[in-house]
Amino acid sequence: MNKKLILLTILMLGVLVLGAGCNGSTSAVPDIQREKVAYVGTVPFDPPLVYQEEAELVGPDAELGKRIIQRIQETSDSMVDTEIKLMWINRTYPTLVSALQNHEIHFVMGVFGITEERKKQVDFSDSYYTSELVLVINPVHKPLTPDQIGTAKIGVREGTAVETLVAEKYATSTVTPFKTLDDAILALRRSEVDCVIDDKYMAAYSLEETPGAGHMDFGPEILGSIDCAVAVRKGDKQLLDLVNYVIGGVKEENLIASWIEQHSGGRVQTVLDRHQERLDQEKAAAMPRNLTIRVRRAQGVSIDIYRMANLRFVLTNRQTGDKVSSTPIRFEGSTAVTKATVAPGSYLLQLHKFNFQTGIDIGPNDPENVPINITLTATGVVVRKG
């Protein structure tokens, strides 16, 4: 009987312990309310979503963090009015999950993407922000387009959901991780990578604020998206429910979008405008130019210029070898006139029957219509563009 009683007591204690766990005693919430401090793990180098300004973290994620702590304060049964303090604990992306599992922090937030691997290790709240990924390029080094990414060397932030997505989507590329986005952007400036893929707001901020990055840009194409959420320890339903309550209210008021607009400062549109301006300039630079070639002879030169009638000039591109013939030469008084349309480049201009040739350069900054004036003198040929 005594043995049965001991066994029954042990079983009852086990049930009590298990029940206490199910009722949330393993949750971080009671610890936070008791200790009056919440340790929140983050990576504080992801502006404009979360970043350090003087001694304080600011940005949409920081605002959400404050509201979560406020909610924890409001649900406390303690009669003490001591305010719960939010303590940001700086970590790198690869160490955030382990810091949470080792009870070094109470929860994780700060552009923390949901991945299948992370789901096995932590519980995620509802998503409060969807990160849209863009292709950042250095057009001076390589004007890469989205369809060329497969063979590119791509810079990403180390240990992020972005790195996971990029590695899976572009398996034939070379993915190079960097500790921060700024490090990746600087590597792109040095042509150590062909492109960088990251969140459009973060990318725009880095391009605008990193010295020497003002000529780089990204286009409007979205390469993929990542849902971001708050991460808590496995089984912490009490904290998870509390966080989701706050996120629901933030979504209802559309506050994330408002906070992003406040902290991003229009940088995304600035970079997109720069991208389009570059494309327009490249298009204009590649547009064919209409040449009007006029040939006259200087006073006292005895060349029979009228023998040029109905002949054609040949323009040979020095780089490609492509040839373009002008229209038949006609005359306006004593001036021979002909026309040709060529792409910008360096050309050899020839009139074979007259054993005539000269060089001419058509540059990307030349206007759509370019006059070429050729004067035949006693000592040679004088060519003037414009």
Protein backbone atom coordinates (compact mmCIF):
# COMPACT_ATOMS: atom_id res chain seq x y z
CA MET A 1 0.00 0.00 0.00
CA ASN A 2 2.79 2.39 0.85
CA LYS A 3 4.44 1.74 -2.52
CA LYS A 4 1.14 2.40 -4.30
CA LEU A 5 0.68 5.63 -2.35
CA ILE A 6 4.20 6.81 -3.24
CA LEU A 7 3.64 6.00 -6.91
CA LEU A 8 0.29 7.83 -6.91
CA THR A 9 1.91 10.86 -5.28
CA ILE A 10 4.65 10.93 -7.92
CA LEU A 11 2.07 10.70 -10.71
CA MET A 12 0.01 13.53 -9.19
CA LEU A 13 3.10 15.72 -8.90
CA GLY A 14 3.90 15.02 -12.55
CA VAL A 15 0.40 16.03 -13.57
CA LEU A 16 0.66 19.20 -11.51
CA VAL A 17 4.02 20.11 -13.06
CA LEU A 18 2.71 19.41 -16.58
CA GLY A 19 -0.42 21.38 -15.88
CA ALA A 20 1.60 24.31 -14.61
CA GLY A 21 3.61 24.24 -17.81
CA CYS A 22 0.45 24.19 -19.93
CA ASN A 23 -0.94 27.13 -17.98
CA GLY A 24 2.00 29.24 -19.09
CA SER A 25 4.44 29.06 -16.19
CA THR A 26 7.19 28.48 -18.82
CA SER A 27 6.19 31.67 -20.59
CA ALA A 28 8.45 34.68 -20.61
CA VAL A 29 5.54 36.93 -19.61
CA PRO A 30 5.60 36.25 -15.82
CA ASP A 31 9.37 36.71 -15.79
CA ILE A 32 9.07 40.04 -17.56
CA GLN A 33 6.30 41.22 -15.26
CA ARG A 34 8.18 40.12 -12.17
CA GLU A 35 11.59 41.45 -13.17
CA LYS A 36 10.16 44.60 -14.77
CA VAL A 37 12.47 44.24 -17.76
CA ALA A 38 12.04 42.63 -21.18
CA TYR A 39 15.13 41.50 -23.05
CA VAL A 40 14.43 41.69 -26.76
CA GLY A 41 16.93 40.30 -29.24
CA THR A 42 17.47 42.22 -32.47
CA VAL A 43 20.02 43.24 -35.10
CA PRO A 44 20.21 47.02 -34.78
CA PHE A 45 21.65 47.73 -38.23
CA ASP A 46 18.61 47.47 -40.51
CA PRO A 47 17.42 51.02 -41.14
CA PRO A 48 14.81 52.30 -41.68
CA LEU A 49 12.97 49.38 -40.03
CA VAL A 50 15.10 49.26 -36.90
CA TYR A 51 18.25 51.27 -36.28
CA GLN A 52 20.11 53.20 -33.65
CA GLU A 53 19.68 56.94 -33.37
CA GLU A 54 21.92 58.35 -30.68
CA ALA A 55 21.39 55.96 -27.73
CA GLU A 56 17.95 54.71 -28.75
CA LEU A 57 16.63 52.20 -31.25
CA VAL A 58 14.02 53.68 -33.57
CA GLY A 59 11.96 52.57 -36.56
CA PRO A 60 8.75 50.56 -37.11
CA ASP A 61 10.07 47.48 -35.29
CA ALA A 62 11.12 49.58 -32.32
CA GLU A 63 7.64 51.14 -32.19
CA LEU A 64 6.03 47.70 -32.28
CA GLY A 65 8.37 46.52 -29.53
CA LYS A 66 7.26 49.37 -27.28
CA ARG A 67 3.60 48.47 -27.79
CA ILE A 68 4.27 44.82 -26.93
CA ILE A 69 5.96 45.83 -23.68
CA GLN A 70 3.10 48.19 -22.92
CA ARG A 71 0.64 45.33 -23.37
CA ILE A 72 2.67 43.10 -21.07
CA GLN A 73 2.53 45.92 -18.50
CA GLU A 74 -1.25 46.26 -18.86
CA THR A 75 -1.88 42.53 -18.33
CA SER A 76 0.27 42.33 -15.19
CA ASP A 77 -1.51 41.29 -11.97
CA SER A 78 1.10 43.11 -9.92
CA MET A 79 -0.10 46.05 -7.87
CA VAL A 80 3.31 47.70 -8.30
CA ASP A 81 3.25 50.49 -10.86
CA THR A 82 6.90 50.14 -11.80
CA GLU A 83 7.17 50.49 -15.56
CA ILE A 84 8.55 47.53 -17.48
CA LYS A 85 11.78 48.49 -19.22
CA LEU A 86 12.53 47.37 -22.76
CA MET A 87 16.15 46.28 -23.11
CA TRP A 88 17.34 45.70 -26.68
CA ILE A 89 19.97 42.97 -26.82
CA ASN A 90 22.15 43.30 -29.90
CA ARG A 91 22.88 40.06 -31.72
CA THR A 92 23.75 38.89 -35.21
CA TYR A 93 21.16 37.05 -37.29
CA PRO A 94 22.91 33.66 -36.95
CA THR A 95 22.86 33.92 -33.11
CA LEU A 96 19.33 35.20 -32.45
CA VAL A 97 17.63 31.81 -32.27
CA SER A 98 20.24 30.32 -29.93
CA ALA A 99 20.03 33.40 -27.69
CA LEU A 100 16.26 32.84 -27.44
CA GLN A 101 16.59 29.12 -26.76
CA ASN A 102 19.25 29.75 -24.09
CA HIS A 103 16.97 32.22 -22.26
CA GLU A 104 19.34 35.12 -22.91
CA ILE A 105 16.39 37.06 -24.37
CA HIS A 106 12.62 36.86 -24.01
CA PHE A 107 11.71 37.22 -27.69
CA VAL A 108 13.13 38.21 -31.08
CA MET A 109 12.07 40.96 -33.44
CA GLY A 110 13.55 43.25 -36.06
CA VAL A 111 13.00 42.23 -39.72
CA PHE A 112 13.12 38.59 -38.62
CA GLY A 113 11.87 36.51 -41.54
CA ILE A 114 9.79 33.36 -41.23
CA THR A 115 11.51 30.28 -42.68
CA GLU A 116 10.70 26.58 -42.49
CA GLU A 117 13.94 25.88 -40.63
CA ARG A 118 13.25 28.58 -38.03
CA LYS A 119 9.71 27.24 -37.52
CA LYS A 120 11.29 24.06 -36.16
CA GLN A 121 13.18 26.05 -33.52
CA VAL A 122 10.83 28.89 -32.50
CA ASP A 123 7.19 29.89 -32.60
CA PHE A 124 6.29 32.84 -34.82
CA SER A 125 3.64 35.46 -34.30
CA ASP A 126 1.37 36.64 -37.08
CA SER A 127 3.32 38.44 -39.77
CA TYR A 128 3.31 42.21 -39.39
CA TYR A 129 5.58 43.16 -42.33
CA THR A 130 6.22 41.64 -45.75
CA SER A 131 9.72 42.36 -46.99
CA GLU A 132 9.88 42.83 -50.77
CA LEU A 133 13.27 41.99 -52.25
CA VAL A 134 14.93 44.01 -55.02
CA LEU A 135 18.03 43.68 -57.18
CA VAL A 136 20.66 46.30 -56.33
CA ILE A 137 23.27 46.84 -59.05
CA ASN A 138 26.36 48.88 -59.76
CA PRO A 139 25.78 49.95 -63.40
CA VAL A 140 29.38 51.12 -63.74
CA HIS A 141 30.56 47.56 -62.99
CA LYS A 142 27.75 45.43 -64.44
CA PRO A 143 24.26 46.66 -65.43
CA LEU A 144 22.75 43.34 -64.37
CA THR A 145 19.08 42.57 -65.12
CA PRO A 146 16.80 40.13 -63.22
CA ASP A 147 17.11 37.47 -65.95
CA GLN A 148 20.90 37.43 -65.54
CA ILE A 149 20.99 36.69 -61.79
CA GLY A 150 21.44 32.94 -62.24
CA THR A 151 25.15 33.25 -63.01
CA ALA A 152 25.88 36.25 -60.80
CA LYS A 153 27.80 36.68 -57.57
CA ILE A 154 25.14 37.89 -55.12
CA GLY A 155 25.71 39.75 -51.86
CA VAL A 156 23.26 39.10 -49.00
CA ARG A 157 23.02 39.63 -45.25
CA GLU A 158 24.48 36.68 -43.36
CA GLY A 159 22.11 34.31 -41.57
CA THR A 160 18.93 35.99 -42.80
CA ALA A 161 15.80 34.66 -44.44
CA VAL A 162 16.98 36.63 -47.47
CA GLU A 163 20.09 34.46 -47.70
CA THR A 164 17.93 31.32 -47.50
CA LEU A 165 15.53 32.49 -50.21
CA VAL A 166 18.29 33.66 -52.55
CA ALA A 167 20.28 30.43 -52.16
CA GLU A 168 17.19 28.36 -52.99
CA LYS A 169 15.91 30.52 -55.85
CA TYR A 170 19.27 31.13 -57.53
CA ALA A 171 20.99 27.81 -56.95
CA THR A 172 23.37 28.32 -59.89
CA SER A 173 24.64 31.65 -58.60
CA THR A 174 27.33 32.34 -56.01
CA VAL A 175 25.84 33.68 -52.77
CA THR A 176 28.25 35.73 -50.66
CA PRO A 177 27.11 36.62 -47.10
CA PHE A 178 28.05 39.86 -45.32
CA LYS A 179 27.48 40.87 -41.70
CA THR A 180 25.46 43.96 -42.64
CA LEU A 181 23.72 45.33 -45.71
CA ASP A 182 26.13 48.28 -45.76
CA ASP A 183 29.03 45.82 -45.99
CA ALA A 184 27.36 44.18 -48.99
CA ILE A 185 26.72 47.55 -50.66
CA LEU A 186 30.35 48.56 -50.17
CA ALA A 187 31.46 45.27 -51.72
CA LEU A 188 29.19 46.02 -54.68
CA ARG A 189 30.79 49.44 -55.02
CA ARG A 190 34.20 47.74 -55.13
CA SER A 191 32.87 45.28 -57.76
CA GLU A 192 33.53 42.31 -55.46
CA VAL A 193 29.96 41.11 -56.10
CA ASP A 194 27.74 41.59 -59.15
CA CYS A 195 24.63 42.57 -57.23
CA VAL A 196 22.97 42.67 -53.82
CA ILE A 197 19.49 41.35 -53.05
CA ASP A 198 17.58 42.71 -50.05
CA ASP A 199 14.53 44.54 -48.74
CA LYS A 200 13.67 47.56 -50.89
CA TYR A 201 13.38 50.00 -47.97
CA MET A 202 16.63 48.86 -46.42
CA ALA A 203 18.40 48.86 -49.79
CA ALA A 204 17.23 52.39 -50.59
CA TYR A 205 18.36 53.63 -47.17
CA SER A 206 21.81 52.08 -47.60
CA LEU A 207 22.25 53.42 -51.14
CA GLU A 208 21.35 56.93 -50.03
CA GLU A 209 23.41 56.96 -46.85
CA THR A 210 26.52 54.93 -47.77
CA PRO A 211 29.35 57.12 -49.13
CA GLY A 212 30.11 56.39 -52.77
CA ALA A 213 26.87 54.46 -53.39
CA GLY A 214 24.87 57.29 -54.95
CA HIS A 215 25.31 56.01 -58.52
CA MET A 216 23.89 52.55 -57.74
CA ASP A 217 20.21 51.73 -57.96
CA PHE A 218 17.46 49.10 -58.20
CA GLY A 219 14.43 48.76 -60.41
CA PRO A 220 10.74 48.21 -59.59
CA GLU A 221 10.90 44.43 -60.11
CA ILE A 222 10.20 42.42 -56.93
CA LEU A 223 12.28 39.23 -56.86
CA GLY A 224 10.50 37.66 -53.91
CA SER A 225 8.94 38.41 -50.54
CA ILE A 226 9.50 37.34 -46.95
CA ASP A 227 6.99 37.60 -44.11
CA CYS A 228 8.52 39.00 -40.93
CA ALA A 229 7.25 38.30 -37.42
CA VAL A 230 8.11 38.17 -33.72
CA ALA A 231 9.77 34.92 -32.58
CA VAL A 232 9.18 33.42 -29.12
CA ARG A 233 10.38 30.21 -27.48
CA LYS A 234 8.62 27.03 -28.52
CA GLY A 235 5.38 26.56 -26.60
CA ASP A 236 5.19 30.11 -25.18
CA LYS A 237 1.50 30.52 -26.05
CA GLN A 238 0.88 33.23 -23.45
CA LEU A 239 3.48 35.57 -24.95
CA LEU A 240 2.49 34.60 -28.50
CA ASP A 241 -1.18 35.45 -27.88
CA LEU A 242 -0.20 38.75 -26.32
CA VAL A 243 2.07 39.67 -29.25
CA ASN A 244 -0.59 38.71 -31.79
CA TYR A 245 -3.10 40.92 -29.97
CA VAL A 246 -0.77 43.89 -30.37
CA ILE A 247 -0.01 43.07 -34.01
CA GLY A 248 -3.73 42.84 -34.75
CA GLY A 249 -4.26 46.34 -33.44
CA VAL A 250 -1.27 47.69 -35.35
CA LYS A 251 -2.57 46.12 -38.56
CA GLU A 252 -6.04 47.49 -38.02
CA GLU A 253 -4.65 51.01 -37.76
CA ASN A 254 -2.19 50.41 -40.65
CA LEU A 255 0.58 51.73 -38.42
CA ILE A 256 3.48 49.79 -39.95
CA ALA A 257 3.01 51.52 -43.30
CA SER A 258 2.78 54.87 -41.53
CA TRP A 259 5.95 54.22 -39.53
CA ILE A 260 7.83 53.05 -42.63
CA GLU A 261 6.86 56.19 -44.51
CA GLN A 262 8.03 58.28 -41.56
CA HIS A 263 11.44 56.62 -41.29
CA SER A 264 12.16 55.83 -44.97
CA GLY A 265 12.02 59.50 -45.97
CA GLY A 266 11.05 58.85 -49.60
CA ARG A 267 14.36 57.13 -50.34
CA VAL A 268 12.78 54.26 -52.30
CA GLN A 269 11.23 56.64 -54.81
CA THR A 270 14.50 58.57 -55.07
CA VAL A 271 16.37 55.38 -56.01
CA LEU A 272 13.64 54.27 -58.43
CA ASP A 273 13.74 57.68 -60.12
CA ARG A 274 17.52 57.41 -60.43
CA HIS A 275 17.13 53.95 -61.97
CA GLN A 276 14.64 55.19 -64.56
CA GLU A 277 16.77 58.23 -65.36
CA ARG A 278 19.74 55.94 -66.02
CA LEU A 279 17.66 53.72 -68.31
CA ASP A 280 16.41 56.76 -70.19
CA GLN A 281 19.96 58.03 -70.62
CA GLU A 282 21.17 54.63 -71.83
CA LYS A 283 18.29 54.43 -74.28
CA ALA A 284 18.98 57.93 -75.55
CA ALA A 285 22.69 57.16 -75.83
CA ALA A 286 21.98 54.08 -77.97
CA MET A 287 19.48 55.77 -80.26
CA PRO A 288 20.61 56.14 -83.90
CA ARG A 289 21.73 59.63 -84.94
CA ASN A 290 20.67 61.24 -88.19
CA LEU A 291 23.71 62.66 -89.99
CA THR A 292 23.52 65.35 -92.62
CA ILE A 293 26.86 65.47 -94.45
CA ARG A 294 27.70 68.61 -96.41
CA VAL A 295 30.80 68.84 -98.59
CA ARG A 296 32.12 72.03 -100.11
CA ARG A 297 35.42 73.12 -101.56
CA ALA A 298 37.46 76.03 -100.27
CA GLN A 299 38.00 79.01 -102.50
CA GLY A 300 40.78 78.41 -105.01
CA VAL A 301 40.52 74.59 -104.87
CA SER A 302 40.15 73.12 -108.36
CA ILE A 303 38.54 69.77 -107.43
CA ASP A 304 35.48 69.04 -109.58
CA ILE A 305 33.09 68.53 -106.69
CA TYR A 306 30.12 67.96 -109.01
CA ARG A 307 31.48 64.55 -109.92
CA MET A 308 30.21 63.45 -106.48
CA ALA A 309 26.62 63.60 -107.68
CA ASN A 310 24.71 60.35 -106.95
CA LEU A 311 27.70 58.77 -105.19
CA ARG A 312 27.34 57.44 -101.63
CA PHE A 313 29.54 57.78 -98.58
CA VAL A 314 30.31 54.59 -96.63
CA LEU A 315 30.57 54.77 -92.84
CA THR A 316 32.42 51.84 -91.22
CA ASN A 317 32.17 51.33 -87.48
CA ARG A 318 35.75 50.96 -86.23
CA GLN A 319 34.69 48.66 -83.35
CA THR A 320 32.23 46.32 -85.07
CA GLY A 321 33.11 46.67 -88.74
CA ASP A 322 29.46 47.31 -89.60
CA LYS A 323 28.98 49.47 -92.70
CA VAL A 324 26.30 52.02 -93.48
CA SER A 325 25.84 53.77 -96.85
CA SER A 326 24.53 57.30 -97.14
CA THR A 327 21.81 58.45 -99.48
CA PRO A 328 22.91 59.45 -103.03
CA ILE A 329 24.73 62.78 -102.98
CA ARG A 330 22.75 65.71 -104.34
CA PHE A 331 23.65 69.34 -104.64
CA GLU A 332 22.37 72.49 -103.03
CA GLY A 333 24.09 75.11 -105.14
CA SER A 334 27.81 74.29 -104.90
CA THR A 335 27.46 72.14 -101.76
CA ALA A 336 27.17 68.35 -101.92
CA VAL A 337 24.59 67.01 -99.48
CA THR A 338 23.85 63.46 -98.29
CA LYS A 339 22.28 61.78 -95.22
CA ALA A 340 22.95 58.67 -93.14
CA THR A 341 21.64 57.14 -89.91
CA VAL A 342 24.13 55.47 -87.55
CA ALA A 343 24.38 54.35 -83.93
CA PRO A 344 26.84 56.20 -81.67
CA GLY A 345 30.40 55.05 -82.29
CA SER A 346 33.69 55.82 -84.00
CA TYR A 347 33.49 55.69 -87.81
CA LEU A 348 35.66 55.80 -90.90
CA LEU A 349 33.91 57.97 -93.49
CA GLN A 350 34.89 57.09 -97.07
CA LEU A 351 34.06 58.11 -100.63
CA HIS A 352 35.92 55.45 -102.58
CA LYS A 353 35.74 56.98 -106.11
CA PHE A 354 37.46 60.10 -104.82
CA ASN A 355 39.92 58.11 -102.67
CA PHE A 356 38.55 60.15 -99.78
CA GLN A 357 38.40 59.07 -96.13
CA THR A 358 38.29 60.71 -92.72
CA GLY A 359 37.41 59.75 -89.16
CA ILE A 360 34.30 60.87 -87.34
CA ASP A 361 33.01 60.13 -83.84
CA ILE A 362 29.32 60.10 -82.96
CA GLY A 363 28.99 60.24 -79.18
CA PRO A 364 26.12 59.35 -76.81
CA ASN A 365 25.75 63.02 -75.92
CA ASP A 366 25.29 64.13 -79.54
CA PRO A 367 21.81 65.36 -80.48
CA GLU A 368 19.39 63.32 -82.57
CA ASN A 369 20.33 65.26 -85.70
CA VAL A 370 24.06 65.79 -86.26
CA PRO A 371 25.40 68.06 -89.03
CA ILE A 372 28.79 67.06 -90.50
CA ASN A 373 30.52 69.79 -92.50
CA ILE A 374 33.45 68.77 -94.73
CA THR A 375 35.64 71.36 -96.44
CA LEU A 376 38.07 70.36 -99.19
CA THR A 377 41.15 72.58 -98.98
CA ALA A 378 44.39 72.71 -100.91
CA THR A 379 46.24 71.09 -97.99
CA GLY A 380 43.67 68.46 -96.97
CA VAL A 381 40.22 67.87 -95.56
CA VAL A 382 38.69 69.79 -92.67
CA VAL A 383 35.83 68.04 -90.83
CA ARG A 384 33.62 69.88 -88.38
CA LYS A 385 30.78 68.29 -86.44
CA GLY A 386 27.91 70.54 -85.47
